[in-house]
Amino acid sequence: EAKGFGRQKGHTELYRGAEYVVDF
């Protein structure tokens, strides 16, 4: 199992009203 990013560059998610960036 791995985590990473390339051109995809992650995405933004909303959790309990707070927005955060998921990089990997």
PDBML (XML) file of the C-alpha atoms, coordinates in Angstrom:
<?xml version="1.0" encoding="UTF-8" ?>
<PDBx:datablock datablockName="MODEL"
   xmlns:PDBx="http://pdbml.pdb.org/schema/pdbx-v50.xsd"
   xmlns:xsi="http://www.w3.org/2001/XMLSchema-instance"
   xsi:schemaLocation="http://pdbml.pdb.org/schema/pdbx-v50.xsd pdbx-v50.xsd">
   <PDBx:atom_siteCategory>
      <PDBx:atom_site id="1">
         <PDBx:B_iso_or_equiv>0.00</PDBx:B_iso_or_equiv>
         <PDBx:Cartn_x>0.000</PDBx:Cartn_x>
         <PDBx:Cartn_y>0.000</PDBx:Cartn_y>
         <PDBx:Cartn_z>0.000</PDBx:Cartn_z>
         <PDBx:auth_asym_id>A</PDBx:auth_asym_id>
         <PDBx:auth_atom_id>CA</PDBx:auth_atom_id>
         <PDBx:auth_comp_id>GLU</PDBx:auth_comp_id>
         <PDBx:auth_seq_id>1</PDBx:auth_seq_id>
         <PDBx:group_PDB>ATOM</PDBx:group_PDB>
         <PDBx:label_alt_id xsi:nil="true" />
         <PDBx:label_asym_id>A</PDBx:label_asym_id>
         <PDBx:label_atom_id>CA</PDBx:label_atom_id>
         <PDBx:label_comp_id>GLU</PDBx:label_comp_id>
         <PDBx:label_entity_id>1</PDBx:label_entity_id>
         <PDBx:label_seq_id>1</PDBx:label_seq_id>
         <PDBx:occupancy>1.00</PDBx:occupancy>
         <PDBx:pdbx_PDB_model_num>1</PDBx:pdbx_PDB_model_num>
         <PDBx:type_symbol>C</PDBx:type_symbol>
      </PDBx:atom_site>
      <PDBx:atom_site id="2">
         <PDBx:B_iso_or_equiv>0.00</PDBx:B_iso_or_equiv>
         <PDBx:Cartn_x>1.363</PDBx:Cartn_x>
         <PDBx:Cartn_y>3.400</PDBx:Cartn_y>
         <PDBx:Cartn_z>-0.922</PDBx:Cartn_z>
         <PDBx:auth_asym_id>A</PDBx:auth_asym_id>
         <PDBx:auth_atom_id>CA</PDBx:auth_atom_id>
         <PDBx:auth_comp_id>ALA</PDBx:auth_comp_id>
         <PDBx:auth_seq_id>2</PDBx:auth_seq_id>
         <PDBx:group_PDB>ATOM</PDBx:group_PDB>
         <PDBx:label_alt_id xsi:nil="true" />
         <PDBx:label_asym_id>A</PDBx:label_asym_id>
         <PDBx:label_atom_id>CA</PDBx:label_atom_id>
         <PDBx:label_comp_id>ALA</PDBx:label_comp_id>
         <PDBx:label_entity_id>1</PDBx:label_entity_id>
         <PDBx:label_seq_id>2</PDBx:label_seq_id>
         <PDBx:occupancy>1.00</PDBx:occupancy>
         <PDBx:pdbx_PDB_model_num>1</PDBx:pdbx_PDB_model_num>
         <PDBx:type_symbol>C</PDBx:type_symbol>
      </PDBx:atom_site>
      <PDBx:atom_site id="3">
         <PDBx:B_iso_or_equiv>0.00</PDBx:B_iso_or_equiv>
         <PDBx:Cartn_x>0.406</PDBx:Cartn_x>
         <PDBx:Cartn_y>7.064</PDBx:Cartn_y>
         <PDBx:Cartn_z>-1.025</PDBx:Cartn_z>
         <PDBx:auth_asym_id>A</PDBx:auth_asym_id>
         <PDBx:auth_atom_id>CA</PDBx:auth_atom_id>
         <PDBx:auth_comp_id>LYS</PDBx:auth_comp_id>
         <PDBx:auth_seq_id>3</PDBx:auth_seq_id>
         <PDBx:group_PDB>ATOM</PDBx:group_PDB>
         <PDBx:label_alt_id xsi:nil="true" />
         <PDBx:label_asym_id>A</PDBx:label_asym_id>
         <PDBx:label_atom_id>CA</PDBx:label_atom_id>
         <PDBx:label_comp_id>LYS</PDBx:label_comp_id>
         <PDBx:label_entity_id>1</PDBx:label_entity_id>
         <PDBx:label_seq_id>3</PDBx:label_seq_id>
         <PDBx:occupancy>1.00</PDBx:occupancy>
         <PDBx:pdbx_PDB_model_num>1</PDBx:pdbx_PDB_model_num>
         <PDBx:type_symbol>C</PDBx:type_symbol>
      </PDBx:atom_site>
      <PDBx:atom_site id="4">
         <PDBx:B_iso_or_equiv>0.00</PDBx:B_iso_or_equiv>
         <PDBx:Cartn_x>1.536</PDBx:Cartn_x>
         <PDBx:Cartn_y>9.584</PDBx:Cartn_y>
         <PDBx:Cartn_z>-3.565</PDBx:Cartn_z>
         <PDBx:auth_asym_id>A</PDBx:auth_asym_id>
         <PDBx:auth_atom_id>CA</PDBx:auth_atom_id>
         <PDBx:auth_comp_id>GLY</PDBx:auth_comp_id>
         <PDBx:auth_seq_id>4</PDBx:auth_seq_id>
         <PDBx:group_PDB>ATOM</PDBx:group_PDB>
         <PDBx:label_alt_id xsi:nil="true" />
         <PDBx:label_asym_id>A</PDBx:label_asym_id>
         <PDBx:label_atom_id>CA</PDBx:label_atom_id>
         <PDBx:label_comp_id>GLY</PDBx:label_comp_id>
         <PDBx:label_entity_id>1</PDBx:label_entity_id>
         <PDBx:label_seq_id>4</PDBx:label_seq_id>
         <PDBx:occupancy>1.00</PDBx:occupancy>
         <PDBx:pdbx_PDB_model_num>1</PDBx:pdbx_PDB_model_num>
         <PDBx:type_symbol>C</PDBx:type_symbol>
      </PDBx:atom_site>
      <PDBx:atom_site id="5">
         <PDBx:B_iso_or_equiv>0.00</PDBx:B_iso_or_equiv>
         <PDBx:Cartn_x>0.686</PDBx:Cartn_x>
         <PDBx:Cartn_y>12.106</PDBx:Cartn_y>
         <PDBx:Cartn_z>-6.214</PDBx:Cartn_z>
         <PDBx:auth_asym_id>A</PDBx:auth_asym_id>
         <PDBx:auth_atom_id>CA</PDBx:auth_atom_id>
         <PDBx:auth_comp_id>PHE</PDBx:auth_comp_id>
         <PDBx:auth_seq_id>5</PDBx:auth_seq_id>
         <PDBx:group_PDB>ATOM</PDBx:group_PDB>
         <PDBx:label_alt_id xsi:nil="true" />
         <PDBx:label_asym_id>A</PDBx:label_asym_id>
         <PDBx:label_atom_id>CA</PDBx:label_atom_id>
         <PDBx:label_comp_id>PHE</PDBx:label_comp_id>
         <PDBx:label_entity_id>1</PDBx:label_entity_id>
         <PDBx:label_seq_id>5</PDBx:label_seq_id>
         <PDBx:occupancy>1.00</PDBx:occupancy>
         <PDBx:pdbx_PDB_model_num>1</PDBx:pdbx_PDB_model_num>
         <PDBx:type_symbol>C</PDBx:type_symbol>
      </PDBx:atom_site>
      <PDBx:atom_site id="6">
         <PDBx:B_iso_or_equiv>0.00</PDBx:B_iso_or_equiv>
         <PDBx:Cartn_x>1.886</PDBx:Cartn_x>
         <PDBx:Cartn_y>13.217</PDBx:Cartn_y>
         <PDBx:Cartn_z>-9.602</PDBx:Cartn_z>
         <PDBx:auth_asym_id>A</PDBx:auth_asym_id>
         <PDBx:auth_atom_id>CA</PDBx:auth_atom_id>
         <PDBx:auth_comp_id>GLY</PDBx:auth_comp_id>
         <PDBx:auth_seq_id>6</PDBx:auth_seq_id>
         <PDBx:group_PDB>ATOM</PDBx:group_PDB>
         <PDBx:label_alt_id xsi:nil="true" />
         <PDBx:label_asym_id>A</PDBx:label_asym_id>
         <PDBx:label_atom_id>CA</PDBx:label_atom_id>
         <PDBx:label_comp_id>GLY</PDBx:label_comp_id>
         <PDBx:label_entity_id>1</PDBx:label_entity_id>
         <PDBx:label_seq_id>6</PDBx:label_seq_id>
         <PDBx:occupancy>1.00</PDBx:occupancy>
         <PDBx:pdbx_PDB_model_num>1</PDBx:pdbx_PDB_model_num>
         <PDBx:type_symbol>C</PDBx:type_symbol>
      </PDBx:atom_site>
      <PDBx:atom_site id="7">
         <PDBx:B_iso_or_equiv>0.00</PDBx:B_iso_or_equiv>
         <PDBx:Cartn_x>-0.102</PDBx:Cartn_x>
         <PDBx:Cartn_y>15.289</PDBx:Cartn_y>
         <PDBx:Cartn_z>-12.033</PDBx:Cartn_z>
         <PDBx:auth_asym_id>A</PDBx:auth_asym_id>
         <PDBx:auth_atom_id>CA</PDBx:auth_atom_id>
         <PDBx:auth_comp_id>ARG</PDBx:auth_comp_id>
         <PDBx:auth_seq_id>7</PDBx:auth_seq_id>
         <PDBx:group_PDB>ATOM</PDBx:group_PDB>
         <PDBx:label_alt_id xsi:nil="true" />
         <PDBx:label_asym_id>A</PDBx:label_asym_id>
         <PDBx:label_atom_id>CA</PDBx:label_atom_id>
         <PDBx:label_comp_id>ARG</PDBx:label_comp_id>
         <PDBx:label_entity_id>1</PDBx:label_entity_id>
         <PDBx:label_seq_id>7</PDBx:label_seq_id>
         <PDBx:occupancy>1.00</PDBx:occupancy>
         <PDBx:pdbx_PDB_model_num>1</PDBx:pdbx_PDB_model_num>
         <PDBx:type_symbol>C</PDBx:type_symbol>
      </PDBx:atom_site>
      <PDBx:atom_site id="8">
         <PDBx:B_iso_or_equiv>0.00</PDBx:B_iso_or_equiv>
         <PDBx:Cartn_x>-3.204</PDBx:Cartn_x>
         <PDBx:Cartn_y>14.420</PDBx:Cartn_y>
         <PDBx:Cartn_z>-10.022</PDBx:Cartn_z>
         <PDBx:auth_asym_id>A</PDBx:auth_asym_id>
         <PDBx:auth_atom_id>CA</PDBx:auth_atom_id>
         <PDBx:auth_comp_id>GLN</PDBx:auth_comp_id>
         <PDBx:auth_seq_id>8</PDBx:auth_seq_id>
         <PDBx:group_PDB>ATOM</PDBx:group_PDB>
         <PDBx:label_alt_id xsi:nil="true" />
         <PDBx:label_asym_id>A</PDBx:label_asym_id>
         <PDBx:label_atom_id>CA</PDBx:label_atom_id>
         <PDBx:label_comp_id>GLN</PDBx:label_comp_id>
         <PDBx:label_entity_id>1</PDBx:label_entity_id>
         <PDBx:label_seq_id>8</PDBx:label_seq_id>
         <PDBx:occupancy>1.00</PDBx:occupancy>
         <PDBx:pdbx_PDB_model_num>1</PDBx:pdbx_PDB_model_num>
         <PDBx:type_symbol>C</PDBx:type_symbol>
      </PDBx:atom_site>
      <PDBx:atom_site id="9">
         <PDBx:B_iso_or_equiv>0.00</PDBx:B_iso_or_equiv>
         <PDBx:Cartn_x>-1.979</PDBx:Cartn_x>
         <PDBx:Cartn_y>16.677</PDBx:Cartn_y>
         <PDBx:Cartn_z>-7.189</PDBx:Cartn_z>
         <PDBx:auth_asym_id>A</PDBx:auth_asym_id>
         <PDBx:auth_atom_id>CA</PDBx:auth_atom_id>
         <PDBx:auth_comp_id>LYS</PDBx:auth_comp_id>
         <PDBx:auth_seq_id>9</PDBx:auth_seq_id>
         <PDBx:group_PDB>ATOM</PDBx:group_PDB>
         <PDBx:label_alt_id xsi:nil="true" />
         <PDBx:label_asym_id>A</PDBx:label_asym_id>
         <PDBx:label_atom_id>CA</PDBx:label_atom_id>
         <PDBx:label_comp_id>LYS</PDBx:label_comp_id>
         <PDBx:label_entity_id>1</PDBx:label_entity_id>
         <PDBx:label_seq_id>9</PDBx:label_seq_id>
         <PDBx:occupancy>1.00</PDBx:occupancy>
         <PDBx:pdbx_PDB_model_num>1</PDBx:pdbx_PDB_model_num>
         <PDBx:type_symbol>C</PDBx:type_symbol>
      </PDBx:atom_site>
      <PDBx:atom_site id="10">
         <PDBx:B_iso_or_equiv>0.00</PDBx:B_iso_or_equiv>
         <PDBx:Cartn_x>-4.590</PDBx:Cartn_x>
         <PDBx:Cartn_y>15.555</PDBx:Cartn_y>
         <PDBx:Cartn_z>-4.699</PDBx:Cartn_z>
         <PDBx:auth_asym_id>A</PDBx:auth_asym_id>
         <PDBx:auth_atom_id>CA</PDBx:auth_atom_id>
         <PDBx:auth_comp_id>GLY</PDBx:auth_comp_id>
         <PDBx:auth_seq_id>10</PDBx:auth_seq_id>
         <PDBx:group_PDB>ATOM</PDBx:group_PDB>
         <PDBx:label_alt_id xsi:nil="true" />
         <PDBx:label_asym_id>A</PDBx:label_asym_id>
         <PDBx:label_atom_id>CA</PDBx:label_atom_id>
         <PDBx:label_comp_id>GLY</PDBx:label_comp_id>
         <PDBx:label_entity_id>1</PDBx:label_entity_id>
         <PDBx:label_seq_id>10</PDBx:label_seq_id>
         <PDBx:occupancy>1.00</PDBx:occupancy>
         <PDBx:pdbx_PDB_model_num>1</PDBx:pdbx_PDB_model_num>
         <PDBx:type_symbol>C</PDBx:type_symbol>
      </PDBx:atom_site>
      <PDBx:atom_site id="11">
         <PDBx:B_iso_or_equiv>0.00</PDBx:B_iso_or_equiv>
         <PDBx:Cartn_x>-7.940</PDBx:Cartn_x>
         <PDBx:Cartn_y>17.176</PDBx:Cartn_y>
         <PDBx:Cartn_z>-4.031</PDBx:Cartn_z>
         <PDBx:auth_asym_id>A</PDBx:auth_asym_id>
         <PDBx:auth_atom_id>CA</PDBx:auth_atom_id>
         <PDBx:auth_comp_id>HIS</PDBx:auth_comp_id>
         <PDBx:auth_seq_id>11</PDBx:auth_seq_id>
         <PDBx:group_PDB>ATOM</PDBx:group_PDB>
         <PDBx:label_alt_id xsi:nil="true" />
         <PDBx:label_asym_id>A</PDBx:label_asym_id>
         <PDBx:label_atom_id>CA</PDBx:label_atom_id>
         <PDBx:label_comp_id>HIS</PDBx:label_comp_id>
         <PDBx:label_entity_id>1</PDBx:label_entity_id>
         <PDBx:label_seq_id>11</PDBx:label_seq_id>
         <PDBx:occupancy>1.00</PDBx:occupancy>
         <PDBx:pdbx_PDB_model_num>1</PDBx:pdbx_PDB_model_num>
         <PDBx:type_symbol>C</PDBx:type_symbol>
      </PDBx:atom_site>
      <PDBx:atom_site id="12">
         <PDBx:B_iso_or_equiv>0.00</PDBx:B_iso_or_equiv>
         <PDBx:Cartn_x>-9.902</PDBx:Cartn_x>
         <PDBx:Cartn_y>19.176</PDBx:Cartn_y>
         <PDBx:Cartn_z>-1.468</PDBx:Cartn_z>
         <PDBx:auth_asym_id>A</PDBx:auth_asym_id>
         <PDBx:auth_atom_id>CA</PDBx:auth_atom_id>
         <PDBx:auth_comp_id>THR</PDBx:auth_comp_id>
         <PDBx:auth_seq_id>12</PDBx:auth_seq_id>
         <PDBx:group_PDB>ATOM</PDBx:group_PDB>
         <PDBx:label_alt_id xsi:nil="true" />
         <PDBx:label_asym_id>A</PDBx:label_asym_id>
         <PDBx:label_atom_id>CA</PDBx:label_atom_id>
         <PDBx:label_comp_id>THR</PDBx:label_comp_id>
         <PDBx:label_entity_id>1</PDBx:label_entity_id>
         <PDBx:label_seq_id>12</PDBx:label_seq_id>
         <PDBx:occupancy>1.00</PDBx:occupancy>
         <PDBx:pdbx_PDB_model_num>1</PDBx:pdbx_PDB_model_num>
         <PDBx:type_symbol>C</PDBx:type_symbol>
      </PDBx:atom_site>
      <PDBx:atom_site id="13">
         <PDBx:B_iso_or_equiv>0.00</PDBx:B_iso_or_equiv>
         <PDBx:Cartn_x>-12.318</PDBx:Cartn_x>
         <PDBx:Cartn_y>17.513</PDBx:Cartn_y>
         <PDBx:Cartn_z>0.954</PDBx:Cartn_z>
         <PDBx:auth_asym_id>A</PDBx:auth_asym_id>
         <PDBx:auth_atom_id>CA</PDBx:auth_atom_id>
         <PDBx:auth_comp_id>GLU</PDBx:auth_comp_id>
         <PDBx:auth_seq_id>13</PDBx:auth_seq_id>
         <PDBx:group_PDB>ATOM</PDBx:group_PDB>
         <PDBx:label_alt_id xsi:nil="true" />
         <PDBx:label_asym_id>A</PDBx:label_asym_id>
         <PDBx:label_atom_id>CA</PDBx:label_atom_id>
         <PDBx:label_comp_id>GLU</PDBx:label_comp_id>
         <PDBx:label_entity_id>1</PDBx:label_entity_id>
         <PDBx:label_seq_id>13</PDBx:label_seq_id>
         <PDBx:occupancy>1.00</PDBx:occupancy>
         <PDBx:pdbx_PDB_model_num>1</PDBx:pdbx_PDB_model_num>
         <PDBx:type_symbol>C</PDBx:type_symbol>
      </PDBx:atom_site>
      <PDBx:atom_site id="14">
         <PDBx:B_iso_or_equiv>0.00</PDBx:B_iso_or_equiv>
         <PDBx:Cartn_x>-14.821</PDBx:Cartn_x>
         <PDBx:Cartn_y>18.783</PDBx:Cartn_y>
         <PDBx:Cartn_z>3.460</PDBx:Cartn_z>
         <PDBx:auth_asym_id>A</PDBx:auth_asym_id>
         <PDBx:auth_atom_id>CA</PDBx:auth_atom_id>
         <PDBx:auth_comp_id>LEU</PDBx:auth_comp_id>
         <PDBx:auth_seq_id>14</PDBx:auth_seq_id>
         <PDBx:group_PDB>ATOM</PDBx:group_PDB>
         <PDBx:label_alt_id xsi:nil="true" />
         <PDBx:label_asym_id>A</PDBx:label_asym_id>
         <PDBx:label_atom_id>CA</PDBx:label_atom_id>
         <PDBx:label_comp_id>LEU</PDBx:label_comp_id>
         <PDBx:label_entity_id>1</PDBx:label_entity_id>
         <PDBx:label_seq_id>14</PDBx:label_seq_id>
         <PDBx:occupancy>1.00</PDBx:occupancy>
         <PDBx:pdbx_PDB_model_num>1</PDBx:pdbx_PDB_model_num>
         <PDBx:type_symbol>C</PDBx:type_symbol>
      </PDBx:atom_site>
      <PDBx:atom_site id="15">
         <PDBx:B_iso_or_equiv>0.00</PDBx:B_iso_or_equiv>
         <PDBx:Cartn_x>-14.761</PDBx:Cartn_x>
         <PDBx:Cartn_y>17.197</PDBx:Cartn_y>
         <PDBx:Cartn_z>6.934</PDBx:Cartn_z>
         <PDBx:auth_asym_id>A</PDBx:auth_asym_id>
         <PDBx:auth_atom_id>CA</PDBx:auth_atom_id>
         <PDBx:auth_comp_id>TYR</PDBx:auth_comp_id>
         <PDBx:auth_seq_id>15</PDBx:auth_seq_id>
         <PDBx:group_PDB>ATOM</PDBx:group_PDB>
         <PDBx:label_alt_id xsi:nil="true" />
         <PDBx:label_asym_id>A</PDBx:label_asym_id>
         <PDBx:label_atom_id>CA</PDBx:label_atom_id>
         <PDBx:label_comp_id>TYR</PDBx:label_comp_id>
         <PDBx:label_entity_id>1</PDBx:label_entity_id>
         <PDBx:label_seq_id>15</PDBx:label_seq_id>
         <PDBx:occupancy>1.00</PDBx:occupancy>
         <PDBx:pdbx_PDB_model_num>1</PDBx:pdbx_PDB_model_num>
         <PDBx:type_symbol>C</PDBx:type_symbol>
      </PDBx:atom_site>
      <PDBx:atom_site id="16">
         <PDBx:B_iso_or_equiv>0.00</PDBx:B_iso_or_equiv>
         <PDBx:Cartn_x>-16.997</PDBx:Cartn_x>
         <PDBx:Cartn_y>18.445</PDBx:Cartn_y>
         <PDBx:Cartn_z>9.764</PDBx:Cartn_z>
         <PDBx:auth_asym_id>A</PDBx:auth_asym_id>
         <PDBx:auth_atom_id>CA</PDBx:auth_atom_id>
         <PDBx:auth_comp_id>ARG</PDBx:auth_comp_id>
         <PDBx:auth_seq_id>16</PDBx:auth_seq_id>
         <PDBx:group_PDB>ATOM</PDBx:group_PDB>
         <PDBx:label_alt_id xsi:nil="true" />
         <PDBx:label_asym_id>A</PDBx:label_asym_id>
         <PDBx:label_atom_id>CA</PDBx:label_atom_id>
         <PDBx:label_comp_id>ARG</PDBx:label_comp_id>
         <PDBx:label_entity_id>1</PDBx:label_entity_id>
         <PDBx:label_seq_id>16</PDBx:label_seq_id>
         <PDBx:occupancy>1.00</PDBx:occupancy>
         <PDBx:pdbx_PDB_model_num>1</PDBx:pdbx_PDB_model_num>
         <PDBx:type_symbol>C</PDBx:type_symbol>
      </PDBx:atom_site>
      <PDBx:atom_site id="17">
         <PDBx:B_iso_or_equiv>0.00</PDBx:B_iso_or_equiv>
         <PDBx:Cartn_x>-17.369</PDBx:Cartn_x>
         <PDBx:Cartn_y>21.784</PDBx:Cartn_y>
         <PDBx:Cartn_z>8.074</PDBx:Cartn_z>
         <PDBx:auth_asym_id>A</PDBx:auth_asym_id>
         <PDBx:auth_atom_id>CA</PDBx:auth_atom_id>
         <PDBx:auth_comp_id>GLY</PDBx:auth_comp_id>
         <PDBx:auth_seq_id>17</PDBx:auth_seq_id>
         <PDBx:group_PDB>ATOM</PDBx:group_PDB>
         <PDBx:label_alt_id xsi:nil="true" />
         <PDBx:label_asym_id>A</PDBx:label_asym_id>
         <PDBx:label_atom_id>CA</PDBx:label_atom_id>
         <PDBx:label_comp_id>GLY</PDBx:label_comp_id>
         <PDBx:label_entity_id>1</PDBx:label_entity_id>
         <PDBx:label_seq_id>17</PDBx:label_seq_id>
         <PDBx:occupancy>1.00</PDBx:occupancy>
         <PDBx:pdbx_PDB_model_num>1</PDBx:pdbx_PDB_model_num>
         <PDBx:type_symbol>C</PDBx:type_symbol>
      </PDBx:atom_site>
      <PDBx:atom_site id="18">
         <PDBx:B_iso_or_equiv>0.00</PDBx:B_iso_or_equiv>
         <PDBx:Cartn_x>-13.644</PDBx:Cartn_x>
         <PDBx:Cartn_y>22.324</PDBx:Cartn_y>
         <PDBx:Cartn_z>7.570</PDBx:Cartn_z>
         <PDBx:auth_asym_id>A</PDBx:auth_asym_id>
         <PDBx:auth_atom_id>CA</PDBx:auth_atom_id>
         <PDBx:auth_comp_id>ALA</PDBx:auth_comp_id>
         <PDBx:auth_seq_id>18</PDBx:auth_seq_id>
         <PDBx:group_PDB>ATOM</PDBx:group_PDB>
         <PDBx:label_alt_id xsi:nil="true" />
         <PDBx:label_asym_id>A</PDBx:label_asym_id>
         <PDBx:label_atom_id>CA</PDBx:label_atom_id>
         <PDBx:label_comp_id>ALA</PDBx:label_comp_id>
         <PDBx:label_entity_id>1</PDBx:label_entity_id>
         <PDBx:label_seq_id>18</PDBx:label_seq_id>
         <PDBx:occupancy>1.00</PDBx:occupancy>
         <PDBx:pdbx_PDB_model_num>1</PDBx:pdbx_PDB_model_num>
         <PDBx:type_symbol>C</PDBx:type_symbol>
      </PDBx:atom_site>
      <PDBx:atom_site id="19">
         <PDBx:B_iso_or_equiv>0.00</PDBx:B_iso_or_equiv>
         <PDBx:Cartn_x>-12.017</PDBx:Cartn_x>
         <PDBx:Cartn_y>22.157</PDBx:Cartn_y>
         <PDBx:Cartn_z>4.181</PDBx:Cartn_z>
         <PDBx:auth_asym_id>A</PDBx:auth_asym_id>
         <PDBx:auth_atom_id>CA</PDBx:auth_atom_id>
         <PDBx:auth_comp_id>GLU</PDBx:auth_comp_id>
         <PDBx:auth_seq_id>19</PDBx:auth_seq_id>
         <PDBx:group_PDB>ATOM</PDBx:group_PDB>
         <PDBx:label_alt_id xsi:nil="true" />
         <PDBx:label_asym_id>A</PDBx:label_asym_id>
         <PDBx:label_atom_id>CA</PDBx:label_atom_id>
         <PDBx:label_comp_id>GLU</PDBx:label_comp_id>
         <PDBx:label_entity_id>1</PDBx:label_entity_id>
         <PDBx:label_seq_id>19</PDBx:label_seq_id>
         <PDBx:occupancy>1.00</PDBx:occupancy>
         <PDBx:pdbx_PDB_model_num>1</PDBx:pdbx_PDB_model_num>
         <PDBx:type_symbol>C</PDBx:type_symbol>
      </PDBx:atom_site>
      <PDBx:atom_site id="20">
         <PDBx:B_iso_or_equiv>0.00</PDBx:B_iso_or_equiv>
         <PDBx:Cartn_x>-8.636</PDBx:Cartn_x>
         <PDBx:Cartn_y>20.476</PDBx:Cartn_y>
         <PDBx:Cartn_z>3.865</PDBx:Cartn_z>
         <PDBx:auth_asym_id>A</PDBx:auth_asym_id>
         <PDBx:auth_atom_id>CA</PDBx:auth_atom_id>
         <PDBx:auth_comp_id>TYR</PDBx:auth_comp_id>
         <PDBx:auth_seq_id>20</PDBx:auth_seq_id>
         <PDBx:group_PDB>ATOM</PDBx:group_PDB>
         <PDBx:label_alt_id xsi:nil="true" />
         <PDBx:label_asym_id>A</PDBx:label_asym_id>
         <PDBx:label_atom_id>CA</PDBx:label_atom_id>
         <PDBx:label_comp_id>TYR</PDBx:label_comp_id>
         <PDBx:label_entity_id>1</PDBx:label_entity_id>
         <PDBx:label_seq_id>20</PDBx:label_seq_id>
         <PDBx:occupancy>1.00</PDBx:occupancy>
         <PDBx:pdbx_PDB_model_num>1</PDBx:pdbx_PDB_model_num>
         <PDBx:type_symbol>C</PDBx:type_symbol>
      </PDBx:atom_site>
      <PDBx:atom_site id="21">
         <PDBx:B_iso_or_equiv>0.00</PDBx:B_iso_or_equiv>
         <PDBx:Cartn_x>-6.331</PDBx:Cartn_x>
         <PDBx:Cartn_y>19.354</PDBx:Cartn_y>
         <PDBx:Cartn_z>1.075</PDBx:Cartn_z>
         <PDBx:auth_asym_id>A</PDBx:auth_asym_id>
         <PDBx:auth_atom_id>CA</PDBx:auth_atom_id>
         <PDBx:auth_comp_id>VAL</PDBx:auth_comp_id>
         <PDBx:auth_seq_id>21</PDBx:auth_seq_id>
         <PDBx:group_PDB>ATOM</PDBx:group_PDB>
         <PDBx:label_alt_id xsi:nil="true" />
         <PDBx:label_asym_id>A</PDBx:label_asym_id>
         <PDBx:label_atom_id>CA</PDBx:label_atom_id>
         <PDBx:label_comp_id>VAL</PDBx:label_comp_id>
         <PDBx:label_entity_id>1</PDBx:label_entity_id>
         <PDBx:label_seq_id>21</PDBx:label_seq_id>
         <PDBx:occupancy>1.00</PDBx:occupancy>
         <PDBx:pdbx_PDB_model_num>1</PDBx:pdbx_PDB_model_num>
         <PDBx:type_symbol>C</PDBx:type_symbol>
      </PDBx:atom_site>
      <PDBx:atom_site id="22">
         <PDBx:B_iso_or_equiv>0.00</PDBx:B_iso_or_equiv>
         <PDBx:Cartn_x>-5.573</PDBx:Cartn_x>
         <PDBx:Cartn_y>15.664</PDBx:Cartn_y>
         <PDBx:Cartn_z>0.567</PDBx:Cartn_z>
         <PDBx:auth_asym_id>A</PDBx:auth_asym_id>
         <PDBx:auth_atom_id>CA</PDBx:auth_atom_id>
         <PDBx:auth_comp_id>VAL</PDBx:auth_comp_id>
         <PDBx:auth_seq_id>22</PDBx:auth_seq_id>
         <PDBx:group_PDB>ATOM</PDBx:group_PDB>
         <PDBx:label_alt_id xsi:nil="true" />
         <PDBx:label_asym_id>A</PDBx:label_asym_id>
         <PDBx:label_atom_id>CA</PDBx:label_atom_id>
         <PDBx:label_comp_id>VAL</PDBx:label_comp_id>
         <PDBx:label_entity_id>1</PDBx:label_entity_id>
         <PDBx:label_seq_id>22</PDBx:label_seq_id>
         <PDBx:occupancy>1.00</PDBx:occupancy>
         <PDBx:pdbx_PDB_model_num>1</PDBx:pdbx_PDB_model_num>
         <PDBx:type_symbol>C</PDBx:type_symbol>
      </PDBx:atom_site>
      <PDBx:atom_site id="23">
         <PDBx:B_iso_or_equiv>0.00</PDBx:B_iso_or_equiv>
         <PDBx:Cartn_x>-2.115</PDBx:Cartn_x>
         <PDBx:Cartn_y>15.788</PDBx:Cartn_y>
         <PDBx:Cartn_z>-1.036</PDBx:Cartn_z>
         <PDBx:auth_asym_id>A</PDBx:auth_asym_id>
         <PDBx:auth_atom_id>CA</PDBx:auth_atom_id>
         <PDBx:auth_comp_id>ASP</PDBx:auth_comp_id>
         <PDBx:auth_seq_id>23</PDBx:auth_seq_id>
         <PDBx:group_PDB>ATOM</PDBx:group_PDB>
         <PDBx:label_alt_id xsi:nil="true" />
         <PDBx:label_asym_id>A</PDBx:label_asym_id>
         <PDBx:label_atom_id>CA</PDBx:label_atom_id>
         <PDBx:label_comp_id>ASP</PDBx:label_comp_id>
         <PDBx:label_entity_id>1</PDBx:label_entity_id>
         <PDBx:label_seq_id>23</PDBx:label_seq_id>
         <PDBx:occupancy>1.00</PDBx:occupancy>
         <PDBx:pdbx_PDB_model_num>1</PDBx:pdbx_PDB_model_num>
         <PDBx:type_symbol>C</PDBx:type_symbol>
      </PDBx:atom_site>
      <PDBx:atom_site id="24">
         <PDBx:B_iso_or_equiv>0.00</PDBx:B_iso_or_equiv>
         <PDBx:Cartn_x>-1.256</PDBx:Cartn_x>
         <PDBx:Cartn_y>12.109</PDBx:Cartn_y>
         <PDBx:Cartn_z>-1.024</PDBx:Cartn_z>
         <PDBx:auth_asym_id>A</PDBx:auth_asym_id>
         <PDBx:auth_atom_id>CA</PDBx:auth_atom_id>
         <PDBx:auth_comp_id>PHE</PDBx:auth_comp_id>
         <PDBx:auth_seq_id>24</PDBx:auth_seq_id>
         <PDBx:group_PDB>ATOM</PDBx:group_PDB>
         <PDBx:label_alt_id xsi:nil="true" />
         <PDBx:label_asym_id>A</PDBx:label_asym_id>
         <PDBx:label_atom_id>CA</PDBx:label_atom_id>
         <PDBx:label_comp_id>PHE</PDBx:label_comp_id>
         <PDBx:label_entity_id>1</PDBx:label_entity_id>
         <PDBx:label_seq_id>24</PDBx:label_seq_id>
         <PDBx:occupancy>1.00</PDBx:occupancy>
         <PDBx:pdbx_PDB_model_num>1</PDBx:pdbx_PDB_model_num>
         <PDBx:type_symbol>C</PDBx:type_symbol>
      </PDBx:atom_site>
   </PDBx:atom_siteCategory>
</PDBx:datablock>
